[in-house]
Amino acid sequence: MLTLRPSHERGHFDHGWLDTYHSFSFADYRDPAHMRFRVLRVINEDTVAPGEGFGTHPHQDMEILTYVISGALQHRDSMGTGSVITAGEVQRMTAGTGVTHSEMNASQSEPVHLLQIWVFPEAEGLPPSYEQKRFGPQEKTDVLKLVASRDGRDGSVSWHQDVSVFASLLGPGRSLTHELAPNRYAWLQLISGALTANGRSLAPGDGLAFSAESSLRISAGQVSEFLLFDLP
């Protein structure tokens, strides 16, 4: 079964300094029909104005993945981590027993465009931790590049849930296939370009949920950047 989450139906708020879209209920956006998909709780697409950002705020018992599409994001947290996350980099933060952090646009002249993803962890009360890795365009071109996984295999960041996240830059006319094990689910999030997945067309910002499917056939009509989540 395929369920399309059209971009234009997402929650949307333009705060001036922040233009944000929510695939699932988040903050002031409440939609009982779109609370989560399996253990996937949040996919927020954020564009943050130059010099602006999210001041220090807390998180607890959540696995948080940040994927920067363009620009640069300055991160600081209560674990003592300070870093800049640039386009093509992935940051994983385990909030666990509790962490505070801030996320600011590192540029005074250019916006930063990113996806922030939350996944429910397998257990509560984990020690907070942080990890950041870069996956360049050459690593993602015409392949499904693993960027996050439970065991950190193939150079991916590791997190405390059996969710594998793949990133891809798929060229026009190119196709990829992903096999789903029994009792597994998938979510496809298109960032840019145009895709067809198992016969369904996706535009930028669209999400597509896969249930009771054994495989995914993904084809690009133009250069397309997307994330694919393989979920329990």
Protein backbone atom coordinates (compact mmCIF):
# COMPACT_ATOMS: atom_id res chain seq x y z
CA MET A 1 0.00 0.00 0.00
CA LEU A 2 1.25 3.47 -0.91
CA THR A 3 0.14 6.61 0.92
CA LEU A 4 1.19 9.98 -0.48
CA ARG A 5 1.80 12.92 1.87
CA PRO A 6 1.66 15.88 -0.55
CA SER A 7 3.98 18.78 0.16
CA HIS A 8 1.18 21.36 0.06
CA GLU A 9 -0.80 19.51 2.73
CA ARG A 10 1.99 19.66 5.30
CA GLY A 11 1.79 22.03 8.23
CA HIS A 12 3.36 25.35 7.22
CA PHE A 13 4.46 28.40 9.17
CA ASP A 14 6.40 31.43 7.96
CA HIS A 15 7.81 33.21 10.99
CA GLY A 16 9.97 35.58 8.95
CA TRP A 17 13.24 34.23 10.30
CA LEU A 18 12.01 30.63 9.82
CA ASP A 19 10.01 29.12 6.96
CA THR A 20 9.05 25.62 8.09
CA TYR A 21 7.01 22.66 6.82
CA HIS A 22 5.94 19.76 9.06
CA SER A 23 5.16 16.34 7.61
CA PHE A 24 3.81 15.27 11.01
CA SER A 25 2.18 17.12 13.90
CA PHE A 26 4.72 19.38 15.58
CA ALA A 27 4.55 22.39 17.92
CA ASP A 28 1.49 24.47 16.94
CA TYR A 29 0.61 22.18 14.03
CA ARG A 30 -1.82 19.48 15.18
CA ASP A 31 -3.28 16.91 12.80
CA PRO A 32 -4.52 13.64 14.35
CA ALA A 33 -4.28 11.96 10.94
CA HIS A 34 -0.56 12.75 10.69
CA MET A 35 1.08 12.18 14.06
CA ARG A 36 3.86 9.81 12.98
CA PHE A 37 4.74 6.92 10.67
CA ARG A 38 5.85 3.89 12.63
CA VAL A 39 8.82 5.09 14.78
CA LEU A 40 9.33 8.14 12.53
CA ARG A 41 7.99 11.07 14.55
CA VAL A 42 9.20 14.28 12.85
CA ILE A 43 10.28 15.42 9.39
CA ASN A 44 10.58 19.19 9.40
CA GLU A 45 11.86 21.07 6.37
CA ASP A 46 13.32 24.34 7.66
CA THR A 47 14.77 27.39 5.92
CA VAL A 48 16.44 29.69 8.45
CA ALA A 49 17.30 33.30 7.61
CA PRO A 50 20.91 34.56 7.85
CA GLY A 51 22.09 35.08 11.42
CA GLU A 52 18.90 33.60 12.88
CA GLY A 53 18.09 30.24 14.44
CA PHE A 54 16.79 28.21 17.33
CA GLY A 55 18.02 29.41 20.72
CA THR A 56 18.96 27.03 23.51
CA HIS A 57 16.15 24.54 24.15
CA PRO A 58 15.84 21.04 25.67
CA HIS A 59 15.20 17.56 24.27
CA GLN A 60 14.76 14.20 25.95
CA ASP A 61 14.39 10.56 24.84
CA MET A 62 14.54 11.16 21.10
CA GLU A 63 16.99 10.32 18.30
CA ILE A 64 17.48 13.49 16.22
CA LEU A 65 19.00 13.55 12.74
CA THR A 66 19.83 16.80 10.96
CA TYR A 67 20.46 16.75 7.19
CA VAL A 68 21.71 20.04 5.75
CA ILE A 69 20.61 20.62 2.14
CA SER A 70 22.30 23.99 1.58
CA GLY A 71 24.09 26.52 3.73
CA ALA A 72 25.60 25.90 7.17
CA LEU A 73 24.18 25.36 10.65
CA GLN A 74 26.01 26.23 13.89
CA HIS A 75 25.38 23.68 16.66
CA ARG A 76 26.16 24.02 20.37
CA ASP A 77 24.95 21.75 23.16
CA SER A 78 25.20 20.97 26.87
CA MET A 79 27.57 18.06 26.15
CA GLY A 80 30.19 20.62 25.17
CA THR A 81 29.85 20.01 21.44
CA GLY A 82 30.31 22.94 19.11
CA SER A 83 30.31 22.41 15.36
CA VAL A 84 29.18 23.74 12.00
CA ILE A 85 27.11 21.36 9.88
CA THR A 86 27.43 22.11 6.17
CA ALA A 87 25.57 20.89 3.08
CA GLY A 88 26.00 17.15 2.68
CA GLU A 89 26.69 16.55 6.37
CA VAL A 90 24.55 14.51 8.73
CA GLN A 91 24.37 15.09 12.46
CA ARG A 92 22.96 12.57 14.93
CA MET A 93 22.11 13.59 18.47
CA THR A 94 20.79 11.19 21.09
CA ALA A 95 18.82 13.31 23.55
CA GLY A 96 18.44 10.45 26.03
CA THR A 97 18.25 11.57 29.66
CA GLY A 98 18.25 15.18 28.54
CA VAL A 99 20.25 17.67 26.51
CA THR A 100 19.98 21.34 25.66
CA HIS A 101 21.25 22.76 22.38
CA SER A 102 21.04 25.67 19.99
CA GLU A 103 21.01 25.66 16.18
CA MET A 104 21.83 28.91 14.41
CA ASN A 105 22.45 29.84 10.81
CA ALA A 106 26.24 30.06 10.62
CA SER A 107 26.05 32.66 7.83
CA GLN A 108 25.17 36.35 8.07
CA SER A 109 24.32 36.51 4.36
CA GLU A 110 22.90 33.18 3.16
CA PRO A 111 19.92 31.09 4.39
CA VAL A 112 20.38 27.52 5.58
CA HIS A 113 18.01 24.82 4.32
CA LEU A 114 17.74 21.56 6.24
CA LEU A 115 15.67 18.59 7.25
CA GLN A 116 15.33 17.75 10.93
CA ILE A 117 14.19 14.22 11.65
CA TRP A 118 13.12 12.69 14.95
CA VAL A 119 12.86 8.96 15.59
CA PHE A 120 11.63 7.27 18.77
CA PRO A 121 14.54 5.39 20.40
CA GLU A 122 14.40 1.72 21.35
CA ALA A 123 14.84 2.62 25.03
CA GLU A 124 14.43 5.64 27.28
CA GLY A 125 17.09 7.07 29.56
CA LEU A 126 20.03 6.64 27.20
CA PRO A 127 23.21 8.68 27.75
CA PRO A 128 23.18 11.78 25.52
CA SER A 129 25.65 11.61 22.62
CA TYR A 130 26.53 13.32 19.35
CA GLU A 131 27.93 12.28 15.97
CA GLN A 132 28.53 14.10 12.68
CA LYS A 133 29.70 12.82 9.28
CA ARG A 134 29.95 14.14 5.75
CA PHE A 135 28.56 12.35 2.70
CA GLY A 136 29.66 14.15 -0.46
CA PRO A 137 27.70 14.28 -3.73
CA GLN A 138 29.96 11.65 -5.29
CA GLU A 139 28.98 9.16 -2.57
CA LYS A 140 25.24 9.66 -3.16
CA THR A 141 25.07 9.91 -6.96
CA ASP A 142 22.86 7.20 -8.49
CA VAL A 143 23.07 5.01 -5.39
CA LEU A 144 21.27 4.62 -2.08
CA LYS A 145 23.99 5.76 0.32
CA LEU A 146 23.47 4.62 3.89
CA VAL A 147 23.86 7.65 6.16
CA ALA A 148 22.29 6.41 9.42
CA SER A 149 21.76 2.95 10.89
CA ARG A 150 21.47 1.13 14.18
CA ASP A 151 24.98 -0.41 13.89
CA GLY A 152 26.82 2.37 12.05
CA ARG A 153 27.67 0.06 9.17
CA ASP A 154 29.22 1.27 5.92
CA GLY A 155 30.44 4.46 7.59
CA SER A 156 26.98 5.72 8.55
CA VAL A 157 26.17 7.51 11.79
CA SER A 158 24.68 5.16 14.38
CA TRP A 159 21.55 5.60 16.45
CA HIS A 160 19.44 3.68 18.90
CA GLN A 161 16.70 2.39 16.62
CA ASP A 162 16.46 -0.18 13.83
CA VAL A 163 15.95 2.46 11.15
CA SER A 164 18.22 2.72 8.13
CA VAL A 165 18.33 6.06 6.33
CA PHE A 166 19.61 6.31 2.77
CA ALA A 167 20.42 9.51 0.84
CA SER A 168 20.57 9.74 -2.93
CA LEU A 169 21.20 12.12 -5.82
CA LEU A 170 19.53 10.28 -8.67
CA GLY A 171 20.16 11.43 -12.22
CA PRO A 172 17.52 11.87 -14.95
CA GLY A 173 16.44 8.56 -16.42
CA ARG A 174 18.17 6.58 -13.67
CA SER A 175 16.43 4.06 -11.41
CA LEU A 176 17.13 2.35 -8.10
CA THR A 177 15.54 -0.64 -6.38
CA HIS A 178 15.33 -1.20 -2.63
CA GLU A 179 14.13 -4.52 -1.21
CA LEU A 180 12.07 -4.51 1.98
CA ALA A 181 12.34 -7.44 4.38
CA PRO A 182 9.08 -8.95 5.69
CA ASN A 183 7.31 -6.73 8.24
CA ARG A 184 9.38 -3.70 7.23
CA TYR A 185 8.04 -0.34 6.09
CA ALA A 186 9.51 2.61 4.21
CA TRP A 187 9.12 6.36 3.89
CA LEU A 188 10.46 8.30 0.89
CA GLN A 189 11.02 12.06 1.31
CA LEU A 190 11.74 13.99 -1.88
CA ILE A 191 13.89 17.08 -1.33
CA SER A 192 14.23 18.30 -4.91
CA GLY A 193 13.60 17.09 -8.46
CA ALA A 194 10.94 14.67 -9.66
CA LEU A 195 10.56 10.97 -8.82
CA THR A 196 8.29 8.06 -9.57
CA ALA A 197 8.18 5.34 -6.92
CA ASN A 198 6.19 2.14 -7.51
CA GLY A 199 4.11 4.06 -10.03
CA ARG A 200 3.40 7.11 -7.84
CA SER A 201 4.76 10.52 -8.84
CA LEU A 202 6.42 12.76 -6.25
CA ALA A 203 7.10 16.50 -6.32
CA PRO A 204 9.57 18.32 -4.03
CA GLY A 205 8.49 18.13 -0.39
CA ASP A 206 6.25 15.11 -0.97
CA GLY A 207 6.52 12.06 1.27
CA LEU A 208 5.42 8.54 0.35
CA ALA A 209 4.71 5.80 2.89
CA PHE A 210 5.15 2.16 1.89
CA SER A 211 3.26 -0.56 3.77
CA ALA A 212 3.00 -4.25 2.79
CA GLU A 213 5.40 -3.70 -0.13
CA SER A 214 8.26 -6.09 -0.86
CA SER A 215 10.34 -3.73 -2.97
CA LEU A 216 10.63 -0.11 -4.06
CA ARG A 217 11.39 0.95 -7.61
CA ILE A 218 12.47 4.59 -7.72
CA SER A 219 13.01 6.48 -11.00
CA ALA A 220 14.06 10.09 -11.57
CA GLY A 221 12.68 12.42 -14.22
CA GLN A 222 15.39 14.97 -13.42
CA VAL A 223 18.25 15.22 -10.93
CA SER A 224 16.54 14.39 -7.65
CA GLU A 225 17.72 14.46 -4.05
CA PHE A 226 15.82 12.35 -1.55
CA LEU A 227 15.98 10.39 1.70
CA LEU A 228 14.65 6.86 2.11
CA PHE A 229 13.80 5.43 5.54
CA ASP A 230 13.65 1.64 6.07
CA LEU A 231 11.60 1.16 9.26
CA PRO A 232 10.34 -1.55 11.61
